C-alpha cells in the first residue's frame, strides 16, 4: 500500500469507511438545506453578530433561497450517486 490513497483503499479499490461517513454527513446537511434553507441561516445568525448591525437586512431573498435549494439538491444527488456506486 502506498502512503497516500485519499479516501480509497488501494488493494481492493474499495472506499474506506471514512468516506462513507463523510458522504453521509454531507448528504444529511444538503437534504436539510434542501428542505429548510432558512434553518441554516438562523443557526448562523450569532456568527454574524460582530459584522452585522441588522440581521434581517442580510437575510437572503426568495431567489437566494431558491439558489441554495438548487445547489443543495445537486450536492445531495451527487452524494447519493457516489454512495450507490461505492456500494456496488
N, C-alpha and C. Protein backbone atom coordinates (compact mmCIF):
# COMPACT_ATOMS: atom_id res chain seq x y z
N UNK A 1 0.85 -1.18 0.00
CA UNK A 1 0.00 0.00 0.00
C UNK A 1 0.89 1.24 0.00
N UNK A 2 0.69 2.11 -0.93
CA UNK A 2 1.47 3.34 -0.98
C UNK A 2 0.98 4.32 0.07
N UNK A 3 1.79 5.32 0.43
CA UNK A 3 1.44 6.18 1.55
C UNK A 3 0.18 7.02 1.38
N UNK A 4 -0.18 7.39 0.17
CA UNK A 4 -1.31 8.32 0.02
C UNK A 4 -2.35 7.75 -0.94
N UNK A 5 -3.53 7.49 -0.42
CA UNK A 5 -4.61 6.98 -1.26
C UNK A 5 -5.87 7.80 -1.14
N UNK A 6 -5.87 8.81 -0.34
CA UNK A 6 -7.07 9.60 -0.16
C UNK A 6 -8.13 8.81 0.57
N UNK A 7 -9.32 8.79 0.01
CA UNK A 7 -10.43 8.10 0.65
C UNK A 7 -10.61 6.67 0.16
N UNK A 8 -9.69 6.19 -0.67
CA UNK A 8 -9.85 4.85 -1.24
C UNK A 8 -8.73 3.94 -0.75
N UNK A 9 -9.07 2.68 -0.52
CA UNK A 9 -8.08 1.67 -0.16
C UNK A 9 -7.53 1.07 -1.45
N UNK A 10 -6.22 0.96 -1.55
CA UNK A 10 -5.59 0.61 -2.82
C UNK A 10 -5.78 -0.85 -3.21
N UNK A 11 -5.64 -1.79 -2.27
CA UNK A 11 -5.63 -3.20 -2.64
C UNK A 11 -6.92 -3.63 -3.31
N UNK A 12 -8.04 -3.31 -2.72
CA UNK A 12 -9.31 -3.79 -3.25
C UNK A 12 -10.05 -2.73 -4.05
N UNK A 13 -9.50 -1.54 -4.13
CA UNK A 13 -10.15 -0.42 -4.81
C UNK A 13 -11.55 -0.18 -4.26
N UNK A 14 -11.65 -0.29 -2.96
CA UNK A 14 -12.93 -0.04 -2.30
C UNK A 14 -12.82 1.22 -1.45
N UNK A 15 -13.91 1.92 -1.27
CA UNK A 15 -13.86 3.12 -0.45
C UNK A 15 -13.64 2.79 1.02
N UNK A 16 -12.96 3.66 1.70
CA UNK A 16 -12.75 3.46 3.13
C UNK A 16 -14.02 3.81 3.88
N UNK A 17 -14.18 3.30 5.09
CA UNK A 17 -15.36 3.64 5.89
C UNK A 17 -15.46 5.14 6.17
N UNK A 18 -14.33 5.81 6.24
CA UNK A 18 -14.32 7.25 6.48
C UNK A 18 -15.05 7.99 5.36
N UNK A 19 -14.90 7.53 4.12
CA UNK A 19 -15.56 8.20 3.01
C UNK A 19 -17.08 8.05 3.09
N UNK A 20 -17.56 6.91 3.59
CA UNK A 20 -19.00 6.73 3.77
C UNK A 20 -19.54 7.70 4.82
N UNK A 21 -18.80 7.87 5.89
CA UNK A 21 -19.23 8.79 6.96
C UNK A 21 -19.27 10.22 6.44
N UNK A 22 -18.24 10.63 5.72
CA UNK A 22 -18.19 11.99 5.18
C UNK A 22 -19.33 12.21 4.19
N UNK A 23 -19.55 11.27 3.29
CA UNK A 23 -20.64 11.41 2.32
C UNK A 23 -22.00 11.42 3.00
N UNK A 24 -22.18 10.62 4.04
CA UNK A 24 -23.46 10.60 4.75
C UNK A 24 -23.72 11.93 5.45
N UNK A 25 -22.69 12.52 6.04
CA UNK A 25 -22.85 13.81 6.71
C UNK A 25 -23.17 14.90 5.69
N UNK A 26 -22.44 14.92 4.58
CA UNK A 26 -22.71 15.92 3.54
C UNK A 26 -24.11 15.73 2.97
N UNK A 27 -24.52 14.48 2.78
CA UNK A 27 -25.87 14.20 2.27
C UNK A 27 -26.93 14.71 3.25
N UNK A 28 -26.75 14.45 4.54
CA UNK A 28 -27.72 14.89 5.54
C UNK A 28 -27.81 16.42 5.59
N UNK A 29 -26.67 17.09 5.54
CA UNK A 29 -26.68 18.56 5.55
C UNK A 29 -27.32 19.13 4.29
N UNK A 30 -27.06 18.52 3.15
CA UNK A 30 -27.64 19.05 1.91
C UNK A 30 -29.14 18.80 1.85
N UNK A 31 -29.61 17.68 2.36
CA UNK A 31 -31.06 17.44 2.40
C UNK A 31 -31.73 18.41 3.36
N UNK A 32 -31.09 18.69 4.48
CA UNK A 32 -31.63 19.69 5.42
C UNK A 32 -31.70 21.05 4.75
N UNK A 33 -30.66 21.42 4.02
CA UNK A 33 -30.65 22.70 3.31
C UNK A 33 -31.71 22.72 2.22
N UNK A 34 -31.94 21.59 1.59
CA UNK A 34 -32.96 21.50 0.54
C UNK A 34 -34.36 21.66 1.11
N UNK A 35 -34.62 21.06 2.24
CA UNK A 35 -35.95 21.10 2.85
C UNK A 35 -36.21 22.43 3.56
N UNK A 36 -35.21 22.91 4.31
CA UNK A 36 -35.41 24.12 5.10
C UNK A 36 -34.18 25.03 5.02
N UNK A 37 -34.04 25.81 3.96
CA UNK A 37 -32.84 26.64 3.81
C UNK A 37 -32.73 27.75 4.86
N UNK A 38 -33.84 28.19 5.41
CA UNK A 38 -33.78 29.25 6.43
C UNK A 38 -33.19 28.75 7.75
N UNK A 39 -33.23 27.44 7.98
CA UNK A 39 -32.72 26.89 9.23
C UNK A 39 -31.24 27.20 9.41
N UNK A 40 -30.43 26.97 8.39
CA UNK A 40 -29.00 27.24 8.50
C UNK A 40 -28.73 28.74 8.63
N UNK A 41 -29.53 29.55 7.97
CA UNK A 41 -29.34 30.99 8.10
C UNK A 41 -29.63 31.43 9.53
N UNK A 42 -30.66 30.87 10.13
CA UNK A 42 -30.99 31.22 11.52
C UNK A 42 -29.94 30.70 12.49
N UNK A 43 -29.42 29.52 12.24
CA UNK A 43 -28.39 28.97 13.12
C UNK A 43 -27.09 29.77 13.05
N UNK A 44 -26.82 30.38 11.91
CA UNK A 44 -25.59 31.15 11.73
C UNK A 44 -25.72 32.61 12.14
N UNK A 45 -26.90 33.03 12.55
CA UNK A 45 -27.09 34.43 12.95
C UNK A 45 -26.13 34.88 14.05
N UNK A 46 -25.88 34.08 15.09
CA UNK A 46 -24.93 34.53 16.11
C UNK A 46 -23.51 34.76 15.58
N UNK A 47 -23.14 34.06 14.52
CA UNK A 47 -21.81 34.27 13.94
C UNK A 47 -21.72 35.62 13.23
N UNK A 48 -22.86 36.18 12.85
CA UNK A 48 -22.89 37.47 12.16
C UNK A 48 -22.78 38.65 13.12
N UNK A 49 -22.99 38.41 14.40
CA UNK A 49 -23.08 39.49 15.39
C UNK A 49 -21.95 40.52 15.28
N UNK A 50 -20.69 40.13 15.18
CA UNK A 50 -19.64 41.16 15.13
C UNK A 50 -19.62 41.97 13.83
N UNK A 51 -20.27 41.47 12.79
CA UNK A 51 -20.15 42.09 11.48
C UNK A 51 -21.40 42.80 11.00
N UNK A 52 -22.57 42.45 11.55
CA UNK A 52 -23.84 42.92 11.01
C UNK A 52 -24.62 43.66 12.08
N UNK A 53 -25.16 44.82 11.71
CA UNK A 53 -25.99 45.58 12.65
C UNK A 53 -27.44 45.10 12.63
N UNK A 54 -27.95 44.79 11.44
CA UNK A 54 -29.34 44.39 11.28
C UNK A 54 -29.39 43.02 10.61
N UNK A 55 -29.78 42.00 11.39
CA UNK A 55 -29.82 40.64 10.85
C UNK A 55 -30.79 40.51 9.69
N UNK A 56 -31.95 41.14 9.80
CA UNK A 56 -32.96 40.99 8.77
C UNK A 56 -32.51 41.59 7.43
N UNK A 57 -31.62 42.56 7.49
CA UNK A 57 -31.13 43.17 6.25
C UNK A 57 -30.22 42.22 5.47
N UNK A 58 -29.66 41.23 6.15
CA UNK A 58 -28.74 40.31 5.49
C UNK A 58 -29.41 39.00 5.09
N UNK A 59 -30.69 38.84 5.39
CA UNK A 59 -31.37 37.60 5.03
C UNK A 59 -31.47 37.50 3.51
N UNK A 60 -31.18 36.33 2.97
CA UNK A 60 -31.27 36.15 1.52
C UNK A 60 -32.70 36.35 1.01
N UNK A 61 -32.78 36.75 -0.25
CA UNK A 61 -34.10 36.93 -0.87
C UNK A 61 -34.68 35.57 -1.24
N UNK A 62 -35.87 35.60 -1.78
CA UNK A 62 -36.52 34.36 -2.23
C UNK A 62 -35.69 33.68 -3.31
N UNK A 63 -35.11 34.48 -4.21
CA UNK A 63 -34.25 33.91 -5.25
C UNK A 63 -32.97 33.33 -4.64
N UNK A 64 -32.46 33.98 -3.60
CA UNK A 64 -31.28 33.46 -2.92
C UNK A 64 -31.54 32.10 -2.30
N UNK A 65 -32.70 31.96 -1.66
CA UNK A 65 -33.07 30.66 -1.10
C UNK A 65 -33.29 29.63 -2.19
N UNK A 66 -33.81 30.05 -3.34
CA UNK A 66 -34.01 29.11 -4.45
C UNK A 66 -32.66 28.59 -4.96
N UNK A 67 -31.67 29.46 -5.04
CA UNK A 67 -30.33 29.04 -5.47
C UNK A 67 -29.73 28.09 -4.44
N UNK A 68 -29.96 28.37 -3.15
CA UNK A 68 -29.46 27.47 -2.11
C UNK A 68 -30.10 26.10 -2.23
N UNK A 69 -31.40 26.07 -2.50
CA UNK A 69 -32.09 24.78 -2.65
C UNK A 69 -31.59 24.03 -3.88
N UNK A 70 -31.38 24.74 -4.97
CA UNK A 70 -30.88 24.11 -6.19
C UNK A 70 -29.50 23.49 -5.94
N UNK A 71 -28.63 24.26 -5.32
CA UNK A 71 -27.29 23.77 -5.02
C UNK A 71 -27.34 22.57 -4.08
N UNK A 72 -28.19 22.66 -3.06
CA UNK A 72 -28.32 21.54 -2.11
C UNK A 72 -28.85 20.30 -2.80
N UNK A 73 -29.77 20.47 -3.74
CA UNK A 73 -30.29 19.32 -4.48
C UNK A 73 -29.23 18.67 -5.33
N UNK A 74 -28.39 19.48 -5.97
CA UNK A 74 -27.30 18.93 -6.79
C UNK A 74 -26.30 18.19 -5.91
N UNK A 75 -25.95 18.78 -4.78
CA UNK A 75 -24.99 18.13 -3.87
C UNK A 75 -25.58 16.83 -3.31
N UNK A 76 -26.86 16.85 -2.93
CA UNK A 76 -27.49 15.63 -2.41
C UNK A 76 -27.52 14.54 -3.47
N UNK A 77 -27.84 14.90 -4.70
CA UNK A 77 -27.87 13.91 -5.79
C UNK A 77 -26.47 13.35 -6.04
N UNK A 78 -25.46 14.20 -6.02
CA UNK A 78 -24.09 13.74 -6.24
C UNK A 78 -23.65 12.80 -5.11
N UNK A 79 -23.97 13.14 -3.88
CA UNK A 79 -23.64 12.26 -2.75
C UNK A 79 -24.34 10.91 -2.88
N UNK A 80 -25.59 10.95 -3.29
CA UNK A 80 -26.34 9.71 -3.46
C UNK A 80 -25.73 8.85 -4.55
N UNK A 81 -25.32 9.46 -5.65
CA UNK A 81 -24.67 8.72 -6.73
C UNK A 81 -23.36 8.12 -6.24
N UNK A 82 -22.56 8.90 -5.52
CA UNK A 82 -21.29 8.39 -5.01
C UNK A 82 -21.51 7.23 -4.04
N UNK A 83 -22.50 7.36 -3.16
CA UNK A 83 -22.77 6.30 -2.20
C UNK A 83 -23.25 5.02 -2.90
N UNK A 84 -24.14 5.17 -3.86
CA UNK A 84 -24.67 3.99 -4.57
C UNK A 84 -23.57 3.30 -5.37
N UNK A 85 -22.76 4.07 -6.08
CA UNK A 85 -21.69 3.44 -6.88
C UNK A 85 -20.61 2.84 -5.99
N UNK A 86 -20.37 3.42 -4.83
CA UNK A 86 -19.36 2.87 -3.93
C UNK A 86 -19.82 1.57 -3.28
N UNK A 87 -21.12 1.41 -3.13
CA UNK A 87 -21.64 0.20 -2.50
C UNK A 87 -21.75 -0.97 -3.47
N UNK A 88 -21.57 -0.73 -4.74
CA UNK A 88 -21.66 -1.82 -5.73
C UNK A 88 -20.46 -2.71 -5.69
